[in-house]
N, C-alpha and C. Protein backbone atom coordinates (compact mmCIF):
# COMPACT_ATOMS: atom_id res chain seq x y z
N MET A 1 -0.51 18.01 13.62
CA MET A 1 -1.32 16.89 13.21
C MET A 1 -2.52 16.82 13.82
N SER A 2 -3.83 16.94 13.52
CA SER A 2 -5.33 16.64 14.18
C SER A 2 -5.05 15.12 14.83
N PHE A 3 -6.10 14.66 15.63
CA PHE A 3 -5.91 13.15 15.77
C PHE A 3 -6.69 12.62 14.91
N GLU A 4 -7.82 13.27 14.03
CA GLU A 4 -8.37 12.57 12.83
C GLU A 4 -7.24 12.23 11.76
N GLU A 5 -6.17 13.37 11.35
CA GLU A 5 -5.19 13.03 10.76
C GLU A 5 -4.62 11.99 11.28
N PHE A 6 -3.97 11.91 12.49
CA PHE A 6 -3.35 10.79 12.89
C PHE A 6 -3.89 9.35 12.66
N GLU A 7 -5.13 9.53 12.92
CA GLU A 7 -6.10 8.03 12.57
C GLU A 7 -5.76 7.78 10.97
N ASN A 8 -5.83 8.44 10.38
CA ASN A 8 -5.55 8.23 8.77
C ASN A 8 -4.34 7.85 8.44
N VAL A 9 -3.64 8.33 9.21
CA VAL A 9 -2.08 8.27 8.71
C VAL A 9 -1.57 6.63 9.29
N ALA A 10 -2.10 6.78 10.57
CA ALA A 10 -2.10 5.61 11.33
C ALA A 10 -2.42 4.10 10.37
N ARG A 11 -3.51 4.02 9.68
CA ARG A 11 -3.92 3.09 8.89
C ARG A 11 -3.13 3.12 7.91
N LEU A 12 -2.25 3.97 7.33
CA LEU A 12 -1.29 3.68 6.39
C LEU A 12 -0.13 3.11 6.93
N TYR A 13 0.12 3.58 8.04
CA TYR A 13 1.69 3.16 8.84
C TYR A 13 1.50 1.64 8.94
N VAL A 14 0.31 1.15 9.40
CA VAL A 14 0.05 0.05 9.65
C VAL A 14 0.24 -1.12 8.64
N VAL A 15 -0.12 -0.91 7.13
CA VAL A 15 0.17 -1.30 6.13
C VAL A 15 1.39 -1.05 5.43
N GLY A 16 2.14 -0.31 6.17
CA GLY A 16 3.59 0.15 5.52
C GLY A 16 3.74 0.76 4.32
N ALA A 17 2.71 1.67 4.29
CA ALA A 17 2.72 2.83 2.94
C ALA A 17 2.99 4.07 3.32
N LEU A 18 3.67 4.21 4.45
CA LEU A 18 4.38 5.41 4.44
C LEU A 18 5.67 6.08 3.88
N GLU A 19 6.19 7.12 3.10
CA GLU A 19 7.12 7.39 2.82
C GLU A 19 7.98 7.76 3.83
N ALA A 20 9.32 7.71 3.80
CA ALA A 20 10.21 8.20 4.79
C ALA A 20 10.09 9.51 5.65
N ASP A 21 9.46 10.70 4.82
CA ASP A 21 9.42 11.76 5.28
C ASP A 21 8.01 11.83 6.16
N GLU A 22 7.01 10.95 5.77
CA GLU A 22 5.79 10.77 6.58
C GLU A 22 5.50 9.91 7.55
N LEU A 23 6.90 8.88 7.51
CA LEU A 23 6.86 7.98 8.68
C LEU A 23 7.62 9.14 9.99
N ALA A 24 8.67 10.05 9.57
CA ALA A 24 9.04 10.99 10.54
C ALA A 24 8.35 11.78 11.26
N GLU A 25 7.17 12.29 10.36
CA GLU A 25 6.18 13.18 11.13
C GLU A 25 5.19 12.54 11.95
N PHE A 26 4.77 11.23 11.58
CA PHE A 26 3.95 10.30 12.16
C PHE A 26 4.15 9.80 13.35
N LYS A 27 5.90 9.32 13.39
CA LYS A 27 6.40 9.17 14.73
C LYS A 27 6.55 10.37 15.83
N ASP A 28 6.72 11.61 15.17
CA ASP A 28 6.47 12.63 16.42
C ASP A 28 5.18 12.99 16.48
N ALA A 29 3.92 12.61 15.76
CA ALA A 29 2.39 12.64 16.06
C ALA A 29 2.27 11.50 16.92
N ARG A 30 2.83 10.56 16.99
CA ARG A 30 2.75 9.35 17.77
C ARG A 30 3.38 9.36 19.18
N ARG A 31 4.36 10.22 19.36
CA ARG A 31 4.62 10.67 20.81
C ARG A 31 3.88 11.42 21.23
N GLU A 32 3.19 12.58 20.36
CA GLU A 32 2.30 13.49 21.09
C GLU A 32 0.95 12.96 21.46
N PHE A 33 0.35 11.74 20.82
CA PHE A 33 -0.73 11.51 21.30
C PHE A 33 -0.95 10.04 22.03
N GLY A 34 0.54 9.80 22.42
CA GLY A 34 0.70 8.89 23.61
C GLY A 34 -0.13 7.64 23.64
N GLN A 35 -0.55 7.08 24.64
CA GLN A 35 -1.57 5.93 24.71
C GLN A 35 -2.75 5.86 23.89
N LYS A 36 -3.35 7.21 23.83
CA LYS A 36 -4.36 7.30 22.79
C LYS A 36 -4.22 6.67 21.40
N GLY A 37 -2.93 7.36 21.08
CA GLY A 37 -2.47 6.67 19.68
C GLY A 37 -2.31 5.48 19.51
N GLU A 38 -1.42 4.98 20.26
CA GLU A 38 -0.73 3.66 20.68
C GLU A 38 -2.22 2.49 20.55
N ASP A 39 -2.98 3.01 21.09
CA ASP A 39 -4.40 2.30 21.55
C ASP A 39 -5.12 2.27 19.77
N PHE A 40 -5.06 3.43 19.18
CA PHE A 40 -5.59 3.35 17.81
C PHE A 40 -4.76 2.48 17.08
N ILE A 41 -3.53 2.43 17.23
CA ILE A 41 -2.78 1.79 16.22
C ILE A 41 -2.97 0.34 16.43
N GLY A 42 -2.84 0.03 17.71
CA GLY A 42 -3.28 -1.41 18.18
C GLY A 42 -4.73 -1.80 17.38
N GLU A 43 -5.74 -0.97 17.41
CA GLU A 43 -7.09 -1.49 16.64
C GLU A 43 -6.81 -1.88 15.26
N CYS A 44 -5.88 -0.71 14.54
CA CYS A 44 -5.79 -0.82 13.22
C CYS A 44 -5.07 -2.08 12.95
N ARG A 45 -4.14 -2.56 13.97
CA ARG A 45 -3.17 -3.73 13.54
C ARG A 45 -4.23 -5.25 13.68
N LYS A 46 -4.96 -4.98 14.64
CA LYS A 46 -6.19 -6.14 14.75
C LYS A 46 -6.98 -6.25 13.41
N LEU A 47 -7.32 -5.11 13.13
CA LEU A 47 -8.10 -5.08 11.78
C LEU A 47 -7.39 -5.47 10.68
N ASN A 48 -6.08 -5.15 10.71
CA ASN A 48 -5.30 -5.42 9.14
C ASN A 48 -5.04 -7.00 9.27
N ALA A 49 -5.17 -7.60 10.43
CA ALA A 49 -4.57 -8.84 10.64
C ALA A 49 -6.10 -9.77 10.14
N ALA A 50 -7.24 -9.12 10.85
CA ALA A 50 -8.39 -10.07 10.55
C ALA A 50 -8.63 -9.80 9.04
N PHE A 51 -8.37 -8.68 8.37
CA PHE A 51 -8.37 -8.59 6.60
C PHE A 51 -7.56 -9.51 6.18
N ALA A 52 -6.36 -9.59 6.90
CA ALA A 52 -5.31 -10.41 5.86
C ALA A 52 -5.99 -11.84 6.00
N LEU A 53 -6.48 -12.40 6.91
CA LEU A 53 -6.89 -13.84 7.39
C LEU A 53 -8.30 -14.10 6.79
N SER A 54 -8.70 -12.72 6.11
CA SER A 54 -10.28 -13.21 5.45
C SER A 54 -10.06 -13.83 3.97
N LEU A 55 -8.83 -13.26 3.41
CA LEU A 55 -8.64 -13.02 2.17
C LEU A 55 -8.51 -14.93 1.53
N HIS A 56 -9.20 -14.96 0.28
CA HIS A 56 -8.91 -16.69 0.15
C HIS A 56 -8.02 -16.71 -1.17
N PRO A 57 -7.11 -17.52 -1.23
CA PRO A 57 -6.13 -17.47 -2.04
C PRO A 57 -6.89 -17.76 -3.40
N GLN A 58 -6.35 -17.13 -4.67
CA GLN A 58 -6.91 -17.12 -6.12
C GLN A 58 -5.78 -17.72 -6.85
N ALA A 59 -5.83 -18.30 -7.74
CA ALA A 59 -5.00 -18.72 -8.82
C ALA A 59 -5.03 -17.52 -9.90
N PRO A 60 -3.49 -17.40 -9.87
CA PRO A 60 -3.22 -16.15 -10.76
C PRO A 60 -3.67 -16.47 -12.50
N HIS A 61 -3.91 -15.34 -13.23
CA HIS A 61 -4.40 -15.65 -14.52
C HIS A 61 -3.01 -16.63 -15.50
N PRO A 62 -3.50 -17.28 -16.09
CA PRO A 62 -2.75 -18.27 -16.85
C PRO A 62 -1.36 -17.51 -17.39
N ASP A 63 -1.58 -15.87 -17.74
CA ASP A 63 -0.42 -15.86 -18.72
C ASP A 63 0.35 -14.64 -17.75
N THR A 64 -0.07 -14.70 -16.32
CA THR A 64 0.85 -13.90 -15.13
C THR A 64 2.50 -14.33 -15.15
N ARG A 65 2.52 -15.80 -15.16
CA ARG A 65 3.82 -16.29 -15.14
C ARG A 65 4.73 -15.78 -16.13
N ALA A 66 4.21 -16.31 -17.27
CA ALA A 66 4.91 -15.95 -18.60
C ALA A 66 5.22 -14.42 -18.82
N LYS A 67 4.26 -13.45 -18.57
CA LYS A 67 4.56 -12.19 -18.29
C LYS A 67 5.53 -11.74 -17.44
N LEU A 68 5.85 -12.15 -16.33
CA LEU A 68 6.62 -11.78 -15.41
C LEU A 68 8.04 -12.24 -15.59
N LEU A 69 8.10 -13.58 -16.26
CA LEU A 69 9.30 -14.03 -16.59
C LEU A 69 9.91 -13.23 -17.95
N ASP A 70 8.94 -12.70 -18.77
CA ASP A 70 9.68 -12.01 -19.82
C ASP A 70 9.95 -10.66 -19.40
N ARG A 71 9.34 -10.07 -18.32
CA ARG A 71 9.71 -8.71 -17.61
C ARG A 71 11.30 -9.02 -17.17
N ILE A 72 11.29 -9.96 -16.49
CA ILE A 72 12.52 -10.29 -15.61
C ILE A 72 13.66 -10.39 -16.61
N HIS A 73 13.40 -11.43 -17.59
CA HIS A 73 14.70 -11.71 -18.75
C HIS A 73 14.93 -10.45 -19.34
N GLY A 74 13.86 -9.37 -19.67
CA GLY A 74 14.23 -8.34 -20.37
C GLY A 74 15.00 -7.18 -19.68
N THR A 75 14.46 -7.35 -18.41
CA THR A 75 15.54 -6.35 -17.57
C THR A 75 17.05 -6.60 -17.46
N LEU A 76 17.25 -8.16 -17.30
CA LEU A 76 18.38 -8.70 -17.02
C LEU A 76 19.08 -8.27 -18.83
N ARG A 77 18.41 -8.26 -19.63
CA ARG A 77 18.90 -7.90 -20.94
C ARG A 77 19.47 -6.52 -21.01
N GLY A 78 18.79 -5.59 -20.05
CA GLY A 78 18.91 -4.25 -20.24
C GLY A 78 17.95 -3.49 -20.73
N GLU A 79 16.85 -4.33 -21.08
CA GLU A 79 15.69 -3.83 -21.85
C GLU A 79 14.96 -2.58 -21.01
N THR A 80 14.19 -1.65 -21.41
CA THR A 80 13.39 -1.02 -20.96
C THR A 80 12.06 -1.50 -20.71
N VAL A 81 11.46 -1.93 -19.59
CA VAL A 81 10.23 -2.67 -19.64
C VAL A 81 9.20 -1.91 -19.09
N ARG A 82 7.97 -1.71 -19.71
CA ARG A 82 7.02 -1.14 -19.40
C ARG A 82 6.24 -1.78 -18.20
N MET A 83 5.78 -1.36 -17.18
CA MET A 83 4.77 -2.23 -16.18
C MET A 83 3.50 -2.26 -16.54
N GLY A 84 2.79 -1.69 -17.43
CA GLY A 84 1.57 -1.68 -18.04
C GLY A 84 0.32 -1.17 -17.00
N ILE A 85 0.78 0.17 -16.42
CA ILE A 85 0.12 0.51 -15.50
C ILE A 85 -1.06 1.46 -16.12
N PRO A 86 -2.33 1.40 -15.48
CA PRO A 86 -3.68 2.07 -16.36
C PRO A 86 -3.26 3.70 -16.21
N ARG A 87 -3.70 3.94 -17.28
CA ARG A 87 -3.36 5.28 -17.09
C ARG A 87 -5.02 6.11 -16.93
N LEU A 88 -5.09 7.03 -16.36
CA LEU A 88 -6.52 8.01 -16.11
C LEU A 88 -7.01 8.51 -17.25
N GLY A 89 -8.12 8.25 -17.55
CA GLY A 89 -8.93 8.76 -18.58
C GLY A 89 -9.25 10.21 -18.51
N GLY A 90 -9.79 10.80 -19.09
CA GLY A 90 -10.45 12.24 -19.10
C GLY A 90 -11.36 12.45 -17.81
N ASN A 91 -12.19 11.49 -17.48
CA ASN A 91 -13.22 11.52 -16.31
C ASN A 91 -12.62 11.05 -15.06
N GLY A 92 -11.01 10.87 -14.92
CA GLY A 92 -10.25 10.66 -13.67
C GLY A 92 -10.26 9.03 -13.22
N ARG A 93 -10.90 8.30 -14.21
CA ARG A 93 -10.92 6.63 -13.52
C ARG A 93 -10.05 5.89 -14.61
N ALA A 94 -9.37 5.19 -14.05
CA ALA A 94 -8.63 4.44 -14.71
C ALA A 94 -9.20 3.70 -16.17
N GLY A 95 -8.18 3.67 -17.00
CA GLY A 95 -8.76 3.13 -18.37
C GLY A 95 -9.83 3.90 -18.81
N GLY A 96 -9.90 4.94 -18.63
CA GLY A 96 -11.20 5.81 -19.06
C GLY A 96 -12.70 5.11 -18.96
N ILE A 97 -12.65 4.38 -17.69
CA ILE A 97 -14.08 3.73 -17.67
C ILE A 97 -15.13 4.63 -17.25
């Protein structure tokens, strides 16, 4: 893994977005890059914390609670619940936008 690849994966690592196999590879690279890698991870953590603190709470859409509870109750009854994930349109963007 190059250091540029390490930087990209480190950003995902900091937000907890690595799969198990990616995490194992990242740990190997982390040992390989030593202090330089640790310094970069530290910078990513600082940026992540600053970003989290810059977010302002937003009230959820009024229907959100009802939809969530419907899904929970449907799952408890053994029903298959679709999550409503947008599909990619022909142009490669969500919802065919």
